[in-house]
N, C-alpha and C. Protein backbone atom coordinates (compact mmCIF):
# COMPACT_ATOMS: atom_id res chain seq x y z
N MET A 1 -12.07 -1.76 8.79
CA MET A 1 -10.77 -2.39 8.72
C MET A 1 -10.33 -2.72 10.14
N GLY A 2 -9.90 -3.94 10.36
CA GLY A 2 -9.48 -4.38 11.69
C GLY A 2 -8.07 -3.94 12.04
N ASP A 3 -7.72 -4.08 13.30
CA ASP A 3 -6.41 -3.67 13.79
C ASP A 3 -5.27 -4.41 13.09
N ASP A 4 -5.45 -5.72 12.88
CA ASP A 4 -4.40 -6.50 12.20
C ASP A 4 -4.19 -6.00 10.78
N GLU A 5 -5.28 -5.70 10.09
CA GLU A 5 -5.18 -5.25 8.70
C GLU A 5 -4.52 -3.87 8.62
N VAL A 6 -4.94 -2.98 9.50
CA VAL A 6 -4.32 -1.65 9.54
C VAL A 6 -2.85 -1.77 9.91
N GLY A 7 -2.56 -2.63 10.86
CA GLY A 7 -1.17 -2.86 11.26
C GLY A 7 -0.32 -3.36 10.11
N LEU A 8 -0.87 -4.26 9.32
CA LEU A 8 -0.13 -4.78 8.17
C LEU A 8 0.13 -3.67 7.15
N LEU A 9 -0.89 -2.89 6.82
CA LEU A 9 -0.70 -1.80 5.86
C LEU A 9 0.36 -0.82 6.37
N ARG A 10 0.28 -0.46 7.62
CA ARG A 10 1.24 0.48 8.19
C ARG A 10 2.66 -0.08 8.13
N ARG A 11 2.80 -1.35 8.49
CA ARG A 11 4.15 -1.97 8.49
C ARG A 11 4.67 -2.10 7.07
N ALA A 12 3.82 -2.48 6.15
CA ALA A 12 4.24 -2.64 4.76
C ALA A 12 4.70 -1.30 4.17
N LEU A 13 3.97 -0.24 4.45
CA LEU A 13 4.35 1.08 3.93
C LEU A 13 5.69 1.52 4.51
N LEU A 14 5.99 1.12 5.73
CA LEU A 14 7.27 1.44 6.36
C LEU A 14 8.43 0.73 5.65
N GLU A 15 8.17 -0.43 5.09
CA GLU A 15 9.21 -1.19 4.39
C GLU A 15 9.83 -0.39 3.24
N TRP A 16 9.03 0.49 2.62
CA TRP A 16 9.57 1.27 1.49
C TRP A 16 10.68 2.20 1.92
N GLY A 17 10.74 2.56 3.18
CA GLY A 17 11.83 3.39 3.67
C GLY A 17 12.97 2.58 4.25
N GLY A 18 12.85 1.26 4.18
CA GLY A 18 13.86 0.38 4.75
C GLY A 18 14.44 -0.57 3.73
N PRO A 19 14.14 -1.86 3.86
CA PRO A 19 14.79 -2.84 3.00
C PRO A 19 14.32 -2.83 1.54
N ALA A 20 13.16 -2.29 1.25
CA ALA A 20 12.66 -2.27 -0.12
C ALA A 20 13.37 -1.18 -0.93
N HIS A 21 13.57 -1.45 -2.21
CA HIS A 21 14.25 -0.51 -3.09
C HIS A 21 13.40 -0.29 -4.32
N CYS A 22 12.85 0.89 -4.42
CA CYS A 22 11.92 1.22 -5.50
C CYS A 22 12.59 2.15 -6.50
N SER A 23 12.28 1.93 -7.77
CA SER A 23 12.73 2.86 -8.81
C SER A 23 11.67 3.95 -8.98
N ASP A 24 12.06 5.05 -9.58
CA ASP A 24 11.09 6.11 -9.88
C ASP A 24 9.98 5.57 -10.77
N GLU A 25 10.33 4.72 -11.73
CA GLU A 25 9.34 4.18 -12.65
C GLU A 25 8.30 3.33 -11.92
N LEU A 26 8.74 2.48 -11.01
CA LEU A 26 7.80 1.66 -10.25
C LEU A 26 6.94 2.54 -9.35
N ALA A 27 7.56 3.53 -8.71
CA ALA A 27 6.81 4.43 -7.85
C ALA A 27 5.70 5.13 -8.65
N VAL A 28 6.01 5.57 -9.85
CA VAL A 28 5.01 6.22 -10.71
C VAL A 28 3.92 5.22 -11.06
N GLY A 29 4.30 3.99 -11.35
CA GLY A 29 3.32 2.95 -11.65
C GLY A 29 2.38 2.66 -10.50
N MET A 30 2.86 2.91 -9.27
CA MET A 30 2.02 2.71 -8.09
C MET A 30 1.20 3.95 -7.75
N GLY A 31 1.34 5.01 -8.56
CA GLY A 31 0.52 6.20 -8.36
C GLY A 31 1.21 7.34 -7.64
N PHE A 32 2.51 7.26 -7.51
CA PHE A 32 3.27 8.33 -6.86
C PHE A 32 4.05 9.09 -7.93
N ASP A 33 4.60 10.25 -7.57
CA ASP A 33 5.35 11.05 -8.53
C ASP A 33 6.78 10.57 -8.70
N GLY A 34 7.23 9.71 -7.85
CA GLY A 34 8.59 9.17 -7.87
C GLY A 34 8.90 8.60 -6.50
N VAL A 35 10.14 8.19 -6.29
CA VAL A 35 10.52 7.55 -5.04
C VAL A 35 10.35 8.50 -3.85
N ASP A 36 10.78 9.74 -4.01
CA ASP A 36 10.66 10.69 -2.89
C ASP A 36 9.19 10.88 -2.50
N ASP A 37 8.32 10.99 -3.51
CA ASP A 37 6.89 11.13 -3.22
C ASP A 37 6.33 9.86 -2.59
N LEU A 38 6.78 8.70 -3.06
CA LEU A 38 6.37 7.42 -2.45
C LEU A 38 6.67 7.44 -0.96
N LEU A 39 7.89 7.81 -0.60
CA LEU A 39 8.27 7.82 0.81
C LEU A 39 7.47 8.84 1.61
N ASP A 40 7.28 10.02 1.03
CA ASP A 40 6.48 11.05 1.72
C ASP A 40 5.03 10.61 1.89
N GLN A 41 4.44 10.08 0.84
CA GLN A 41 3.03 9.67 0.88
C GLN A 41 2.84 8.46 1.78
N CYS A 42 3.78 7.52 1.77
CA CYS A 42 3.69 6.37 2.68
C CYS A 42 3.69 6.84 4.13
N HIS A 43 4.53 7.81 4.43
CA HIS A 43 4.55 8.37 5.79
C HIS A 43 3.20 9.01 6.13
N ARG A 44 2.66 9.80 5.20
CA ARG A 44 1.39 10.47 5.42
C ARG A 44 0.25 9.45 5.58
N ILE A 45 0.21 8.45 4.71
CA ILE A 45 -0.84 7.43 4.75
C ILE A 45 -0.73 6.60 6.03
N ARG A 46 0.49 6.28 6.43
CA ARG A 46 0.68 5.54 7.69
C ARG A 46 0.09 6.32 8.85
N GLY A 47 0.32 7.62 8.87
CA GLY A 47 -0.22 8.46 9.93
C GLY A 47 -1.74 8.49 9.92
N ALA A 48 -2.32 8.59 8.72
CA ALA A 48 -3.78 8.60 8.59
C ALA A 48 -4.36 7.28 9.08
N LEU A 49 -3.70 6.17 8.75
CA LEU A 49 -4.16 4.86 9.22
C LEU A 49 -4.07 4.77 10.73
N GLU A 50 -2.99 5.27 11.29
CA GLU A 50 -2.80 5.21 12.74
C GLU A 50 -3.87 6.02 13.47
N ARG A 51 -4.21 7.16 12.91
CA ARG A 51 -5.19 8.04 13.55
C ARG A 51 -6.62 7.76 13.11
N ASP A 52 -6.81 6.73 12.29
CA ASP A 52 -8.13 6.35 11.78
C ASP A 52 -8.82 7.53 11.08
N GLU A 53 -8.05 8.27 10.30
CA GLU A 53 -8.58 9.40 9.55
C GLU A 53 -9.17 8.92 8.22
N PRO A 54 -10.15 9.62 7.71
CA PRO A 54 -10.69 9.27 6.38
C PRO A 54 -9.59 9.37 5.33
N MET A 55 -9.63 8.45 4.38
CA MET A 55 -8.65 8.46 3.29
C MET A 55 -9.38 8.42 1.96
N SER A 56 -8.76 8.99 0.96
CA SER A 56 -9.33 8.97 -0.38
C SER A 56 -9.23 7.57 -0.97
N SER A 57 -10.02 7.31 -1.97
CA SER A 57 -9.93 6.04 -2.70
C SER A 57 -8.53 5.86 -3.28
N LEU A 58 -7.97 6.95 -3.77
CA LEU A 58 -6.62 6.90 -4.32
C LEU A 58 -5.61 6.47 -3.26
N ASP A 59 -5.70 7.00 -2.06
CA ASP A 59 -4.78 6.60 -1.00
C ASP A 59 -4.96 5.14 -0.60
N TRP A 60 -6.20 4.67 -0.54
CA TRP A 60 -6.43 3.25 -0.25
C TRP A 60 -5.83 2.38 -1.35
N ALA A 61 -6.00 2.78 -2.60
CA ALA A 61 -5.45 2.00 -3.72
C ALA A 61 -3.93 2.01 -3.67
N ARG A 62 -3.34 3.16 -3.41
CA ARG A 62 -1.88 3.24 -3.29
C ARG A 62 -1.37 2.36 -2.15
N ALA A 63 -2.03 2.44 -1.00
CA ALA A 63 -1.61 1.64 0.16
C ALA A 63 -1.69 0.15 -0.14
N LEU A 64 -2.77 -0.27 -0.77
CA LEU A 64 -2.93 -1.69 -1.09
C LEU A 64 -1.89 -2.15 -2.10
N LEU A 65 -1.72 -1.43 -3.19
CA LEU A 65 -0.76 -1.83 -4.21
C LEU A 65 0.66 -1.81 -3.67
N ALA A 66 1.01 -0.78 -2.92
CA ALA A 66 2.35 -0.72 -2.33
C ALA A 66 2.60 -1.88 -1.38
N THR A 67 1.57 -2.28 -0.65
CA THR A 67 1.68 -3.42 0.26
C THR A 67 1.86 -4.71 -0.52
N GLU A 68 1.04 -4.92 -1.55
CA GLU A 68 1.14 -6.13 -2.36
C GLU A 68 2.54 -6.28 -2.96
N ILE A 69 3.07 -5.19 -3.50
CA ILE A 69 4.37 -5.25 -4.16
C ILE A 69 5.50 -5.43 -3.15
N VAL A 70 5.49 -4.67 -2.06
CA VAL A 70 6.59 -4.76 -1.10
C VAL A 70 6.63 -6.14 -0.45
N PHE A 71 5.49 -6.77 -0.28
CA PHE A 71 5.44 -8.11 0.31
C PHE A 71 6.00 -9.16 -0.64
N VAL A 72 5.61 -9.12 -1.88
CA VAL A 72 5.92 -10.20 -2.81
C VAL A 72 7.25 -10.02 -3.54
N SER A 73 7.56 -8.82 -3.98
CA SER A 73 8.70 -8.62 -4.87
C SER A 73 10.03 -8.73 -4.13
N ASP A 74 10.89 -9.59 -4.65
CA ASP A 74 12.24 -9.69 -4.13
C ASP A 74 13.16 -8.73 -4.87
N VAL A 75 12.72 -8.24 -6.02
CA VAL A 75 13.51 -7.31 -6.81
C VAL A 75 13.38 -5.89 -6.26
N ALA A 76 12.16 -5.47 -5.97
CA ALA A 76 11.93 -4.09 -5.52
C ALA A 76 11.49 -4.02 -4.05
N GLY A 77 10.85 -5.07 -3.56
CA GLY A 77 10.28 -5.04 -2.22
C GLY A 77 11.12 -5.78 -1.21
N SER A 78 10.47 -6.24 -0.16
CA SER A 78 11.14 -6.99 0.90
C SER A 78 11.30 -8.46 0.54
N GLY A 79 10.35 -8.97 -0.25
CA GLY A 79 10.45 -10.33 -0.76
C GLY A 79 10.71 -11.37 0.30
N TYR A 80 11.73 -12.19 0.07
CA TYR A 80 12.00 -13.31 0.97
C TYR A 80 12.41 -12.85 2.36
N GLN A 81 12.80 -11.59 2.52
CA GLN A 81 13.17 -11.07 3.84
C GLN A 81 11.97 -10.55 4.63
N TRP A 82 10.78 -10.58 4.03
CA TRP A 82 9.58 -10.02 4.65
C TRP A 82 9.39 -10.45 6.10
N ALA A 83 9.41 -11.74 6.34
CA ALA A 83 9.17 -12.25 7.70
C ALA A 83 10.23 -11.76 8.68
N THR A 84 11.45 -11.65 8.22
CA THR A 84 12.54 -11.19 9.08
C THR A 84 12.40 -9.71 9.40
N THR A 85 12.06 -8.91 8.41
CA THR A 85 12.03 -7.46 8.63
C THR A 85 10.73 -6.97 9.25
N THR A 86 9.65 -7.72 9.09
CA THR A 86 8.35 -7.25 9.61
C THR A 86 7.86 -8.05 10.81
N GLY A 87 8.29 -9.29 10.94
CA GLY A 87 7.77 -10.15 11.99
C GLY A 87 6.48 -10.85 11.59
N TYR A 88 5.99 -10.59 10.38
CA TYR A 88 4.77 -11.24 9.87
C TYR A 88 5.16 -12.43 9.01
N THR A 89 4.58 -13.59 9.29
CA THR A 89 4.84 -14.74 8.42
C THR A 89 4.16 -14.52 7.07
N ASP A 90 4.63 -15.22 6.07
CA ASP A 90 4.02 -15.13 4.74
C ASP A 90 2.56 -15.57 4.79
N GLU A 91 2.28 -16.64 5.51
CA GLU A 91 0.92 -17.18 5.58
C GLU A 91 -0.04 -16.17 6.23
N PHE A 92 0.39 -15.58 7.33
CA PHE A 92 -0.43 -14.58 8.02
C PHE A 92 -0.64 -13.36 7.11
N THR A 93 0.43 -12.95 6.46
CA THR A 93 0.37 -11.77 5.58
C THR A 93 -0.60 -11.97 4.44
N ILE A 94 -0.52 -13.11 3.77
CA ILE A 94 -1.40 -13.31 2.61
C ILE A 94 -2.86 -13.38 3.04
N ARG A 95 -3.13 -13.97 4.20
CA ARG A 95 -4.51 -13.98 4.71
C ARG A 95 -5.01 -12.56 4.96
N LEU A 96 -4.16 -11.72 5.55
CA LEU A 96 -4.56 -10.34 5.80
C LEU A 96 -4.72 -9.55 4.50
N ILE A 97 -3.82 -9.76 3.56
CA ILE A 97 -3.94 -9.05 2.28
C ILE A 97 -5.24 -9.44 1.59
N ARG A 98 -5.58 -10.71 1.58
CA ARG A 98 -6.85 -11.14 0.96
C ARG A 98 -8.04 -10.51 1.66
N SER A 99 -7.99 -10.40 2.97
CA SER A 99 -9.07 -9.76 3.71
C SER A 99 -9.16 -8.28 3.35
N ILE A 100 -8.02 -7.60 3.27
CA ILE A 100 -7.99 -6.19 2.89
C ILE A 100 -8.53 -6.01 1.47
N GLN A 101 -8.12 -6.88 0.56
CA GLN A 101 -8.59 -6.79 -0.82
C GLN A 101 -10.10 -6.90 -0.89
N ARG A 102 -10.66 -7.84 -0.14
CA ARG A 102 -12.12 -7.99 -0.13
C ARG A 102 -12.80 -6.74 0.43
N LYS A 103 -12.28 -6.22 1.52
CA LYS A 103 -12.89 -5.05 2.16
C LYS A 103 -12.76 -3.78 1.32
N LEU A 104 -11.71 -3.68 0.53
CA LEU A 104 -11.48 -2.47 -0.27
C LEU A 104 -11.94 -2.61 -1.72
N ALA A 105 -12.54 -3.72 -2.08
CA ALA A 105 -12.90 -3.97 -3.49
C ALA A 105 -13.71 -2.83 -4.10
N LYS A 106 -14.71 -2.35 -3.40
CA LYS A 106 -15.54 -1.28 -3.96
C LYS A 106 -14.80 0.05 -3.96
N VAL A 107 -13.96 0.27 -2.97
CA VAL A 107 -13.23 1.53 -2.86
C VAL A 107 -12.18 1.66 -3.97
N VAL A 108 -11.45 0.58 -4.22
CA VAL A 108 -10.38 0.64 -5.22
C VAL A 108 -10.84 0.18 -6.60
N GLY A 109 -12.07 -0.31 -6.70
CA GLY A 109 -12.61 -0.78 -7.97
C GLY A 109 -12.46 0.17 -9.13
N PRO A 110 -12.68 1.49 -8.94
CA PRO A 110 -12.54 2.42 -10.06
C PRO A 110 -11.13 2.45 -10.65
N PHE A 111 -10.14 1.91 -9.93
CA PHE A 111 -8.76 1.92 -10.41
C PHE A 111 -8.38 0.65 -11.16
N PHE A 112 -9.22 -0.38 -11.13
CA PHE A 112 -8.87 -1.65 -11.77
C PHE A 112 -8.52 -1.41 -13.24
N GLY A 113 -7.31 -1.81 -13.61
CA GLY A 113 -6.87 -1.67 -14.99
C GLY A 113 -6.54 -0.26 -15.40
N LYS A 114 -6.45 0.66 -14.44
CA LYS A 114 -6.16 2.06 -14.75
C LYS A 114 -4.95 2.52 -13.96
N SER A 115 -4.43 3.64 -14.37
CA SER A 115 -3.33 4.27 -13.65
C SER A 115 -3.82 4.77 -12.30
N LEU A 116 -2.94 4.75 -11.31
CA LEU A 116 -3.29 5.30 -10.01
C LEU A 116 -2.91 6.78 -9.92
N SER A 117 -2.56 7.36 -11.03
CA SER A 117 -2.23 8.78 -11.03
C SER A 117 -3.46 9.59 -10.66
N ALA A 118 -3.29 10.52 -9.76
CA ALA A 118 -4.41 11.37 -9.32
C ALA A 118 -4.96 12.19 -10.46
N THR A 119 -4.19 12.38 -11.51
CA THR A 119 -4.65 13.21 -12.62
C THR A 119 -5.44 12.43 -13.65
N THR A 120 -5.38 11.10 -13.63
CA THR A 120 -6.09 10.33 -14.65
C THR A 120 -7.41 9.74 -14.17
N VAL A 121 -7.52 9.47 -12.89
CA VAL A 121 -8.75 8.90 -12.34
C VAL A 121 -9.06 9.63 -11.04
N THR A 122 -10.25 10.13 -10.91
CA THR A 122 -10.62 10.79 -9.67
C THR A 122 -11.96 10.26 -9.17
N PRO A 123 -11.90 9.06 -8.54
CA PRO A 123 -13.13 8.50 -7.99
C PRO A 123 -13.56 9.30 -6.76
N PRO A 124 -14.79 9.10 -6.32
CA PRO A 124 -15.27 9.84 -5.16
C PRO A 124 -14.45 9.51 -3.92
N GLU A 125 -14.30 10.48 -3.06
CA GLU A 125 -13.58 10.29 -1.80
C GLU A 125 -14.46 9.46 -0.87
N GLU A 126 -13.88 8.48 -0.24
CA GLU A 126 -14.63 7.69 0.73
C GLU A 126 -13.68 6.95 1.63
N LYS A 127 -14.12 6.57 2.74
CA LYS A 127 -13.32 5.79 3.67
C LYS A 127 -13.59 4.32 3.48
N GLY A 128 -12.54 3.50 3.42
CA GLY A 128 -12.71 2.07 3.23
C GLY A 128 -12.84 1.32 4.49
């Protein structure tokens, strides 16, 4: 994963503690126990990304899905304010997201069409 891609994931996860507004139901749908867990896990995952620490497939899937939603959703995420709050243009962001999706396809593949709950799917741990 390149610096720009890691930077985007880290910035996107930070949005959940700022302009984005998540419900407990959406947080659970993204694989967290609720909003408080989303915020705690986003902080932990951001730190792991910053330190280039190995992450589980579940954490990569959570980071990717949380990034996709916070970027696009105007209801729950940053939406149209994304460029203002992050400094990333929409065009630059979507290019990076597509690159991340390609690089993580095998890592997050076991989650396609499944819950991101740690109790329902436990793919092998690996670094993406």
